[in-house]
Amino acid sequence: MGRKVAAVRNNYEMFGLLRTVKDGLLYWLDQRHDDFDRKYGVRTAQWMEVRDAQIEDSAARASAVRYVPTPEPVLRHILSSLLRHRAAETYSFVDLGCGQGRTLLIASQFAFARVVGVEISPLHAQAARDNVRRYLAHPRARRAQRSQIDVCCVNAAEFEFPDSNLLVYLYRPFVGPVFSAVAERLSQFCSETGRDVLVAYSCPQEEHMFAERSDFAKVDEFRVILSEYSWSLWRCTRAGAGRELDRSDLGGVAS
């Protein structure tokens, strides 16, 4: 305890009160990461830089962002909000840049038609598959799991989306050209199939790429103190139809 108190005091002397409160909250969230792994017998908490992820495609590697797991409370809030007024079984949940698979494990508890992780790093993809195996072998997970989980090792810009309504999840997985290419593929999918395409974008650093397109419209957003855990909801519209959007899509969540 004495070492932790000294660390807080030193943090305060170095950075001041506001930064110390922020760092303390981030530390607390890290502990929640560990709680999730201990609860289900998995290994999803280890952050990893892009340079260590064994991404062979140099262009994709340049657009990639380091792996950081989504905190469990963040994803549960997003899914609970979005599924308040829609049936999970009518949507496939697709996590683009799924990393080590934490979001897939959580989403599998919500009875989606399918839960699919897309990951370009073979290292992360294998870790995600290993975590799915560990998770499904855990008694607590077996009681909670309601959806099949698949992991695909492929560039998100080349992924073939399942032919169903989509809830696509992004937690700052990539930027630049890959993000732009994914937006284009989602637009094509929506136009060709007529399916409902929703994108829940957590830590939405590149959402201007959606905003600049006529075929994406922001339904709403949910802001918190730390931008890493703010998120926005977007809907892809057919051929830039620009249809009216209902803010109740967020199930009453306030901005």
C-alpha atoms as a PDB file:
ATOM      1  CA  MET A   1       0.000   0.000   0.000  1.00  0.00           C
ATOM      2  CA  GLY A   2       2.842   2.390   0.872  1.00  0.00           C
ATOM      3  CA  ARG A   3       4.358   2.042  -2.610  1.00  0.00           C
ATOM      4  CA  LYS A   4       1.009   2.814  -4.254  1.00  0.00           C
ATOM      5  CA  VAL A   5       0.540   5.918  -2.112  1.00  0.00           C
ATOM      6  CA  ALA A   6       4.067   7.060  -3.012  1.00  0.00           C
ATOM      7  CA  ALA A   7       3.329   6.471  -6.704  1.00  0.00           C
ATOM      8  CA  VAL A   8       0.195   8.625  -6.501  1.00  0.00           C
ATOM      9  CA  ARG A   9       2.093  11.366  -4.638  1.00  0.00           C
ATOM     10  CA  ASN A  10       4.914  11.330  -7.191  1.00  0.00           C
ATOM     11  CA  ASN A  11       2.416  11.384 -10.067  1.00  0.00           C
ATOM     12  CA  TYR A  12       0.757  14.430  -8.499  1.00  0.00           C
ATOM     13  CA  GLU A  13       4.082  16.247  -8.047  1.00  0.00           C
ATOM     14  CA  MET A  14       5.082  15.525 -11.631  1.00  0.00           C
ATOM     15  CA  PHE A  15       1.791  16.043 -13.510  1.00  0.00           C
ATOM     16  CA  GLY A  16      -0.677  17.769 -11.191  1.00  0.00           C
ATOM     17  CA  LEU A  17      -4.154  16.815  -9.965  1.00  0.00           C
ATOM     18  CA  LEU A  18      -6.098  16.391 -13.212  1.00  0.00           C
ATOM     19  CA  ARG A  19      -3.515  14.152 -14.862  1.00  0.00           C
ATOM     20  CA  THR A  20      -3.203  12.112 -11.664  1.00  0.00           C
ATOM     21  CA  VAL A  21      -6.972  11.526 -11.566  1.00  0.00           C
ATOM     22  CA  LYS A  22      -6.905  10.498 -15.250  1.00  0.00           C
ATOM     23  CA  ASP A  23      -3.968   8.155 -14.755  1.00  0.00           C
ATOM     24  CA  GLY A  24      -5.660   6.660 -11.718  1.00  0.00           C
ATOM     25  CA  LEU A  25      -8.797   5.953 -13.723  1.00  0.00           C
ATOM     26  CA  LEU A  26      -6.764   4.327 -16.489  1.00  0.00           C
ATOM     27  CA  TYR A  27      -5.045   2.168 -13.875  1.00  0.00           C
ATOM     28  CA  TRP A  28      -8.423   1.138 -12.499  1.00  0.00           C
ATOM     29  CA  LEU A  29      -9.614   0.195 -15.977  1.00  0.00           C
ATOM     30  CA  ASP A  30      -6.476  -1.905 -16.425  1.00  0.00           C
ATOM     31  CA  GLN A  31      -7.445  -3.790 -13.297  1.00  0.00           C
ATOM     32  CA  ARG A  32     -10.873  -4.436 -14.815  1.00  0.00           C
ATOM     33  CA  HIS A  33      -9.061  -5.909 -17.832  1.00  0.00           C
ATOM     34  CA  ASP A  34      -7.349  -8.341 -15.516  1.00  0.00           C
ATOM     35  CA  ASP A  35     -10.652  -9.135 -13.813  1.00  0.00           C
ATOM     36  CA  PHE A  36     -12.153 -10.157 -17.154  1.00  0.00           C
ATOM     37  CA  ASP A  37      -9.279 -12.484 -17.934  1.00  0.00           C
ATOM     38  CA  ARG A  38      -9.369 -14.074 -14.501  1.00  0.00           C
ATOM     39  CA  LYS A  39     -13.134 -14.447 -14.639  1.00  0.00           C
ATOM     40  CA  TYR A  40     -13.096 -16.430 -17.887  1.00  0.00           C
ATOM     41  CA  GLY A  41      -9.625 -17.974 -17.925  1.00  0.00           C
ATOM     42  CA  VAL A  42      -8.463 -16.070 -21.027  1.00  0.00           C
ATOM     43  CA  ARG A  43      -5.532 -13.814 -21.991  1.00  0.00           C
ATOM     44  CA  THR A  44      -6.764 -10.631 -23.640  1.00  0.00           C
ATOM     45  CA  ALA A  45      -5.204  -7.868 -21.536  1.00  0.00           C
ATOM     46  CA  GLN A  46      -1.688  -7.592 -22.994  1.00  0.00           C
ATOM     47  CA  TRP A  47      -1.176  -4.411 -25.027  1.00  0.00           C
ATOM     48  CA  MET A  48       0.976  -4.845 -28.143  1.00  0.00           C
ATOM     49  CA  GLU A  49       2.617  -2.379 -30.512  1.00  0.00           C
ATOM     50  CA  VAL A  50       2.116  -2.687 -34.273  1.00  0.00           C
ATOM     51  CA  ARG A  51       5.802  -3.454 -34.838  1.00  0.00           C
ATOM     52  CA  ASP A  52       5.407  -6.651 -32.792  1.00  0.00           C
ATOM     53  CA  ALA A  53       2.198  -7.881 -34.447  1.00  0.00           C
ATOM     54  CA  GLN A  54       3.830  -9.669 -37.435  1.00  0.00           C
ATOM     55  CA  ILE A  55       1.785  -7.824 -40.071  1.00  0.00           C
ATOM     56  CA  GLU A  56       3.492  -8.608 -43.376  1.00  0.00           C
ATOM     57  CA  ASP A  57       1.598  -6.150 -45.608  1.00  0.00           C
ATOM     58  CA  SER A  58       3.593  -2.914 -45.248  1.00  0.00           C
ATOM     59  CA  ALA A  59       0.711  -0.677 -46.360  1.00  0.00           C
ATOM     60  CA  ALA A  60      -1.699  -2.282 -43.893  1.00  0.00           C
ATOM     61  CA  ARG A  61       0.945  -2.152 -41.178  1.00  0.00           C
ATOM     62  CA  ALA A  62       1.325   1.594 -41.736  1.00  0.00           C
ATOM     63  CA  SER A  63      -2.424   2.056 -41.132  1.00  0.00           C
ATOM     64  CA  ALA A  64      -2.630  -0.255 -38.113  1.00  0.00           C
ATOM     65  CA  VAL A  65      -2.932   0.878 -34.506  1.00  0.00           C
ATOM     66  CA  ARG A  66      -1.484  -0.913 -31.487  1.00  0.00           C
ATOM     67  CA  TYR A  67      -3.656  -3.525 -29.826  1.00  0.00           C
ATOM     68  CA  VAL A  68      -5.478  -2.343 -26.726  1.00  0.00           C
ATOM     69  CA  PRO A  69      -8.436  -4.387 -25.434  1.00  0.00           C
ATOM     70  CA  THR A  70     -11.850  -2.761 -25.127  1.00  0.00           C
ATOM     71  CA  PRO A  71     -12.792  -2.456 -21.440  1.00  0.00           C
ATOM     72  CA  GLU A  72     -15.679  -4.786 -20.672  1.00  0.00           C
ATOM     73  CA  PRO A  73     -17.968  -2.013 -19.288  1.00  0.00           C
ATOM     74  CA  VAL A  74     -17.548  -0.012 -22.515  1.00  0.00           C
ATOM     75  CA  LEU A  75     -18.624  -2.819 -24.845  1.00  0.00           C
ATOM     76  CA  ARG A  76     -21.452  -3.948 -22.584  1.00  0.00           C
ATOM     77  CA  HIS A  77     -22.774  -0.397 -22.512  1.00  0.00           C
ATOM     78  CA  ILE A  78     -22.633  -0.137 -26.295  1.00  0.00           C
ATOM     79  CA  LEU A  79     -24.335  -3.477 -26.927  1.00  0.00           C
ATOM     80  CA  SER A  80     -26.979  -3.039 -24.254  1.00  0.00           C
ATOM     81  CA  SER A  81     -27.824   0.397 -25.653  1.00  0.00           C
ATOM     82  CA  LEU A  82     -28.048  -0.709 -29.263  1.00  0.00           C
ATOM     83  CA  LEU A  83     -29.992  -3.915 -28.592  1.00  0.00           C
ATOM     84  CA  ARG A  84     -32.626  -2.255 -26.451  1.00  0.00           C
ATOM     85  CA  HIS A  85     -34.812  -1.726 -29.518  1.00  0.00           C
ATOM     86  CA  ARG A  86     -33.619  -4.404 -31.930  1.00  0.00           C
ATOM     87  CA  ALA A  87     -33.254  -8.183 -31.887  1.00  0.00           C
ATOM     88  CA  ALA A  88     -29.647  -9.384 -31.666  1.00  0.00           C
ATOM     89  CA  GLU A  89     -30.458 -12.562 -33.604  1.00  0.00           C
ATOM     90  CA  THR A  90     -31.229 -10.498 -36.707  1.00  0.00           C
ATOM     91  CA  TYR A  91     -27.682  -9.066 -36.796  1.00  0.00           C
ATOM     92  CA  SER A  92     -24.172 -10.408 -37.230  1.00  0.00           C
ATOM     93  CA  PHE A  93     -21.638  -8.760 -34.948  1.00  0.00           C
ATOM     94  CA  VAL A  94     -18.359  -8.090 -36.772  1.00  0.00           C
ATOM     95  CA  ASP A  95     -15.337  -6.725 -34.927  1.00  0.00           C
ATOM     96  CA  LEU A  96     -12.864  -5.286 -37.432  1.00  0.00           C
ATOM     97  CA  GLY A  97      -9.429  -5.456 -35.843  1.00  0.00           C
ATOM     98  CA  CYS A  98     -10.484  -7.892 -33.131  1.00  0.00           C
ATOM     99  CA  GLY A  99      -7.001  -8.264 -31.650  1.00  0.00           C
ATOM    100  CA  GLN A 100      -6.886 -10.975 -29.021  1.00  0.00           C
ATOM    101  CA  GLY A 101     -10.649 -11.441 -29.104  1.00  0.00           C
ATOM    102  CA  ARG A 102     -12.076  -9.879 -25.948  1.00  0.00           C
ATOM    103  CA  THR A 103     -14.984  -8.183 -27.747  1.00  0.00           C
ATOM    104  CA  LEU A 104     -15.908 -11.451 -29.457  1.00  0.00           C
ATOM    105  CA  LEU A 105     -16.206 -13.224 -26.124  1.00  0.00           C
ATOM    106  CA  ILE A 106     -18.422 -10.500 -24.681  1.00  0.00           C
ATOM    107  CA  ALA A 107     -20.562 -10.198 -27.824  1.00  0.00           C
ATOM    108  CA  SER A 108     -21.178 -13.954 -27.841  1.00  0.00           C
ATOM    109  CA  GLN A 109     -23.288 -13.470 -24.717  1.00  0.00           C
ATOM    110  CA  PHE A 110     -25.837 -11.363 -26.666  1.00  0.00           C
ATOM    111  CA  ALA A 111     -27.372 -13.987 -29.022  1.00  0.00           C
ATOM    112  CA  PHE A 112     -26.205 -12.483 -32.328  1.00  0.00           C
ATOM    113  CA  ALA A 113     -26.760 -14.542 -35.467  1.00  0.00           C
ATOM    114  CA  ARG A 114     -22.965 -14.735 -35.727  1.00  0.00           C
ATOM    115  CA  VAL A 115     -19.986 -13.184 -33.995  1.00  0.00           C
ATOM    116  CA  VAL A 116     -17.009 -12.680 -36.302  1.00  0.00           C
ATOM    117  CA  GLY A 117     -13.577 -11.266 -35.546  1.00  0.00           C
ATOM    118  CA  VAL A 118     -11.435  -9.888 -38.367  1.00  0.00           C
ATOM    119  CA  GLU A 119      -7.731  -9.481 -37.681  1.00  0.00           C
ATOM    120  CA  ILE A 120      -4.792  -8.923 -40.052  1.00  0.00           C
ATOM    121  CA  SER A 121      -2.109  -9.900 -37.529  1.00  0.00           C
ATOM    122  CA  PRO A 122      -1.582 -13.684 -37.551  1.00  0.00           C
ATOM    123  CA  LEU A 123      -0.220 -13.374 -34.023  1.00  0.00           C
ATOM    124  CA  HIS A 124      -3.369 -11.694 -32.739  1.00  0.00           C
ATOM    125  CA  ALA A 125      -5.675 -13.933 -34.773  1.00  0.00           C
ATOM    126  CA  GLN A 126      -4.141 -17.044 -33.240  1.00  0.00           C
ATOM    127  CA  ALA A 127      -4.340 -15.504 -29.780  1.00  0.00           C
ATOM    128  CA  ALA A 128      -8.026 -14.754 -30.405  1.00  0.00           C
ATOM    129  CA  ARG A 129      -8.690 -18.359 -31.474  1.00  0.00           C
ATOM    130  CA  ASP A 130      -6.858 -19.624 -28.396  1.00  0.00           C
ATOM    131  CA  ASN A 131      -8.932 -17.328 -26.212  1.00  0.00           C
ATOM    132  CA  VAL A 132     -12.163 -18.530 -27.810  1.00  0.00           C
ATOM    133  CA  ARG A 133     -11.097 -22.111 -27.051  1.00  0.00           C
ATOM    134  CA  ARG A 134     -10.229 -21.245 -23.442  1.00  0.00           C
ATOM    135  CA  TYR A 135     -13.428 -19.272 -23.021  1.00  0.00           C
ATOM    136  CA  LEU A 136     -15.682 -22.052 -24.317  1.00  0.00           C
ATOM    137  CA  ALA A 137     -13.967 -24.513 -21.986  1.00  0.00           C
ATOM    138  CA  HIS A 138     -14.736 -22.356 -18.945  1.00  0.00           C
ATOM    139  CA  PRO A 139     -17.905 -23.294 -17.014  1.00  0.00           C
ATOM    140  CA  ARG A 140     -18.958 -19.681 -16.460  1.00  0.00           C
ATOM    141  CA  ALA A 141     -18.540 -18.911 -20.165  1.00  0.00           C
ATOM    142  CA  ARG A 142     -20.477 -21.986 -21.265  1.00  0.00           C
ATOM    143  CA  ARG A 143     -23.455 -20.781 -19.238  1.00  0.00           C
ATOM    144  CA  ALA A 144     -23.292 -17.293 -20.766  1.00  0.00           C
ATOM    145  CA  GLN A 145     -22.334 -18.021 -24.381  1.00  0.00           C
ATOM    146  CA  ARG A 146     -25.206 -17.668 -26.900  1.00  0.00           C
ATOM    147  CA  SER A 147     -23.510 -17.114 -30.285  1.00  0.00           C
ATOM    148  CA  GLN A 148     -21.032 -18.944 -32.479  1.00  0.00           C
ATOM    149  CA  ILE A 149     -17.632 -17.223 -32.686  1.00  0.00           C
ATOM    150  CA  ASP A 150     -15.398 -17.189 -35.768  1.00  0.00           C
ATOM    151  CA  VAL A 151     -12.009 -15.519 -36.256  1.00  0.00           C
ATOM    152  CA  CYS A 152     -10.746 -14.588 -39.744  1.00  0.00           C
ATOM    153  CA  CYS A 153      -7.121 -13.630 -40.368  1.00  0.00           C
ATOM    154  CA  VAL A 154      -7.522 -11.166 -43.237  1.00  0.00           C
ATOM    155  CA  ASN A 155      -7.118  -7.488 -44.062  1.00  0.00           C
ATOM    156  CA  ALA A 156     -10.351  -5.745 -43.008  1.00  0.00           C
ATOM    157  CA  ALA A 157     -10.342  -3.926 -46.361  1.00  0.00           C
ATOM    158  CA  GLU A 158     -10.713  -7.320 -48.098  1.00  0.00           C
ATOM    159  CA  PHE A 159     -13.143  -9.039 -45.730  1.00  0.00           C
ATOM    160  CA  GLU A 160     -16.356 -10.499 -47.177  1.00  0.00           C
ATOM    161  CA  PHE A 161     -19.160  -9.519 -44.813  1.00  0.00           C
ATOM    162  CA  PRO A 162     -21.796 -12.128 -43.912  1.00  0.00           C
ATOM    163  CA  ASP A 163     -25.077 -11.689 -45.790  1.00  0.00           C
ATOM    164  CA  SER A 164     -27.145 -10.399 -42.892  1.00  0.00           C
ATOM    165  CA  ASN A 165     -27.824  -7.179 -41.059  1.00  0.00           C
ATOM    166  CA  LEU A 166     -24.526  -5.991 -39.605  1.00  0.00           C
ATOM    167  CA  LEU A 167     -23.417  -4.423 -36.375  1.00  0.00           C
ATOM    168  CA  VAL A 168     -19.795  -3.551 -37.096  1.00  0.00           C
ATOM    169  CA  TYR A 169     -17.606  -2.671 -34.131  1.00  0.00           C
ATOM    170  CA  LEU A 170     -14.466  -0.542 -34.362  1.00  0.00           C
ATOM    171  CA  TYR A 171     -12.183   0.285 -31.464  1.00  0.00           C
ATOM    172  CA  ARG A 172      -9.637   2.503 -33.216  1.00  0.00           C
ATOM    173  CA  PRO A 173      -8.302  -0.515 -35.169  1.00  0.00           C
ATOM    174  CA  PHE A 174      -6.769   1.293 -38.144  1.00  0.00           C
ATOM    175  CA  VAL A 175      -6.545   4.695 -39.804  1.00  0.00           C
ATOM    176  CA  GLY A 176      -6.021   6.230 -43.224  1.00  0.00           C
ATOM    177  CA  PRO A 177      -6.349   4.141 -46.401  1.00  0.00           C
ATOM    178  CA  VAL A 178      -7.558   0.988 -44.645  1.00  0.00           C
ATOM    179  CA  PHE A 179     -10.316   2.905 -42.861  1.00  0.00           C
ATOM    180  CA  SER A 180     -11.361   4.524 -46.141  1.00  0.00           C
ATOM    181  CA  ALA A 181     -11.395   1.154 -47.934  1.00  0.00           C
ATOM    182  CA  VAL A 182     -13.535  -0.396 -45.181  1.00  0.00           C
ATOM    183  CA  ALA A 183     -16.051   2.446 -45.469  1.00  0.00           C
ATOM    184  CA  GLU A 184     -16.247   1.839 -49.220  1.00  0.00           C
ATOM    185  CA  ARG A 185     -16.771  -1.904 -48.784  1.00  0.00           C
ATOM    186  CA  LEU A 186     -19.537  -1.334 -46.262  1.00  0.00           C
ATOM    187  CA  SER A 187     -21.205   1.070 -48.662  1.00  0.00           C
ATOM    188  CA  GLN A 188     -21.030  -1.473 -51.483  1.00  0.00           C
ATOM    189  CA  PHE A 189     -22.371  -4.208 -49.213  1.00  0.00           C
ATOM    190  CA  CYS A 190     -25.298  -2.035 -48.149  1.00  0.00           C
ATOM    191  CA  SER A 191     -26.155  -1.046 -51.743  1.00  0.00           C
ATOM    192  CA  GLU A 192     -25.903  -4.597 -53.071  1.00  0.00           C
ATOM    193  CA  THR A 193     -27.789  -6.377 -50.290  1.00  0.00           C
ATOM    194  CA  GLY A 194     -30.132  -3.785 -48.794  1.00  0.00           C
ATOM    195  CA  ARG A 195     -29.111  -4.992 -45.348  1.00  0.00           C
ATOM    196  CA  ASP A 196     -29.087  -2.729 -42.311  1.00  0.00           C
ATOM    197  CA  VAL A 197     -25.483  -1.698 -41.586  1.00  0.00           C
ATOM    198  CA  LEU A 198     -24.693  -0.079 -38.246  1.00  0.00           C
ATOM    199  CA  VAL A 199     -21.199   0.899 -37.132  1.00  0.00           C
ATOM    200  CA  ALA A 200     -20.413   1.389 -33.440  1.00  0.00           C
ATOM    201  CA  TYR A 201     -17.135   3.305 -33.413  1.00  0.00           C
ATOM    202  CA  SER A 202     -15.329   3.550 -30.072  1.00  0.00           C
ATOM    203  CA  CYS A 203     -12.565   6.165 -29.733  1.00  0.00           C
ATOM    204  CA  PRO A 204     -13.732   7.559 -33.106  1.00  0.00           C
ATOM    205  CA  GLN A 205     -10.587   9.301 -34.325  1.00  0.00           C
ATOM    206  CA  GLU A 206     -11.289   8.779 -38.039  1.00  0.00           C
ATOM    207  CA  GLU A 207     -15.038   9.370 -38.059  1.00  0.00           C
ATOM    208  CA  HIS A 208     -14.528  12.379 -40.318  1.00  0.00           C
ATOM    209  CA  MET A 209     -14.134   9.799 -43.110  1.00  0.00           C
ATOM    210  CA  PHE A 210     -17.710   8.694 -42.468  1.00  0.00           C
ATOM    211  CA  ALA A 211     -18.906  12.300 -42.150  1.00  0.00           C
ATOM    212  CA  GLU A 212     -17.409  13.232 -45.526  1.00  0.00           C
ATOM    213  CA  ARG A 213     -19.432  10.525 -47.308  1.00  0.00           C
ATOM    214  CA  SER A 214     -23.063  10.905 -48.403  1.00  0.00           C
ATOM    215  CA  ASP A 215     -23.750   7.220 -47.696  1.00  0.00           C
ATOM    216  CA  PHE A 216     -23.016   7.362 -43.946  1.00  0.00           C
ATOM    217  CA  ALA A 217     -24.985   9.269 -41.345  1.00  0.00           C
ATOM    218  CA  LYS A 218     -24.290   9.663 -37.652  1.00  0.00           C
ATOM    219  CA  VAL A 219     -27.241   8.498 -35.584  1.00  0.00           C
ATOM    220  CA  ASP A 220     -25.852   9.719 -32.286  1.00  0.00           C
ATOM    221  CA  GLU A 221     -22.814   9.758 -30.041  1.00  0.00           C
ATOM    222  CA  PHE A 222     -21.988   9.073 -26.415  1.00  0.00           C
ATOM    223  CA  ARG A 223     -19.195  11.138 -24.880  1.00  0.00           C
ATOM    224  CA  VAL A 224     -17.355  10.451 -21.634  1.00  0.00           C
ATOM    225  CA  ILE A 225     -14.428  12.178 -19.926  1.00  0.00           C
ATOM    226  CA  LEU A 226     -11.768  10.017 -21.570  1.00  0.00           C
ATOM    227  CA  SER A 227     -12.020  10.166 -25.361  1.00  0.00           C
ATOM    228  CA  GLU A 228     -10.687   6.598 -25.564  1.00  0.00           C
ATOM    229  CA  TYR A 229     -14.076   5.383 -24.317  1.00  0.00           C
ATOM    230  CA  SER A 230     -16.405   7.753 -26.153  1.00  0.00           C
ATOM    231  CA  TRP A 231     -18.273   6.204 -29.068  1.00  0.00           C
ATOM    232  CA  SER A 232     -20.507   7.125 -31.966  1.00  0.00           C
ATOM    233  CA  LEU A 233     -23.139   5.237 -33.920  1.00  0.00           C
ATOM    234  CA  TRP A 234     -23.273   5.435 -37.714  1.00  0.00           C
ATOM    235  CA  ARG A 235     -25.658   3.950 -40.246  1.00  0.00           C
ATOM    236  CA  CYS A 236     -24.764   3.218 -43.832  1.00  0.00           C
ATOM    237  CA  THR A 237     -27.502   4.237 -46.264  1.00  0.00           C
ATOM    238  CA  ARG A 238     -28.093   2.820 -49.726  1.00  0.00           C
ATOM    239  CA  ALA A 239     -26.389   4.826 -52.455  1.00  0.00           C
ATOM    240  CA  GLY A 240     -26.352   7.988 -50.353  1.00  0.00           C
ATOM    241  CA  ALA A 241     -30.115   7.904 -49.862  1.00  0.00           C
ATOM    242  CA  GLY A 242     -29.786  10.139 -46.816  1.00  0.00           C
ATOM    243  CA  ARG A 243     -32.914   8.742 -45.162  1.00  0.00           C
ATOM    244  CA  GLU A 244     -34.115  10.229 -41.900  1.00  0.00           C
ATOM    245  CA  LEU A 245     -32.438   8.696 -38.863  1.00  0.00           C
ATOM    246  CA  ASP A 246     -34.177   8.017 -35.593  1.00  0.00           C
ATOM    247  CA  ARG A 247     -32.192   8.968 -32.484  1.00  0.00           C
ATOM    248  CA  SER A 248     -34.096   6.237 -30.617  1.00  0.00           C
ATOM    249  CA  ASP A 249     -31.675   3.830 -32.348  1.00  0.00           C
ATOM    250  CA  LEU A 250     -29.499   4.389 -29.281  1.00  0.00           C
ATOM    251  CA  GLY A 251     -32.288   3.234 -27.022  1.00  0.00           C
ATOM    252  CA  GLY A 252     -32.468   6.525 -25.179  1.00  0.00           C
ATOM    253  CA  VAL A 253     -28.734   6.912 -24.566  1.00  0.00           C
ATOM    254  CA  ALA A 254     -27.878  10.548 -24.041  1.00  0.00           C
ATOM    255  CA  SER A 255     -24.951  12.322 -25.632  1.00  0.00           C
END
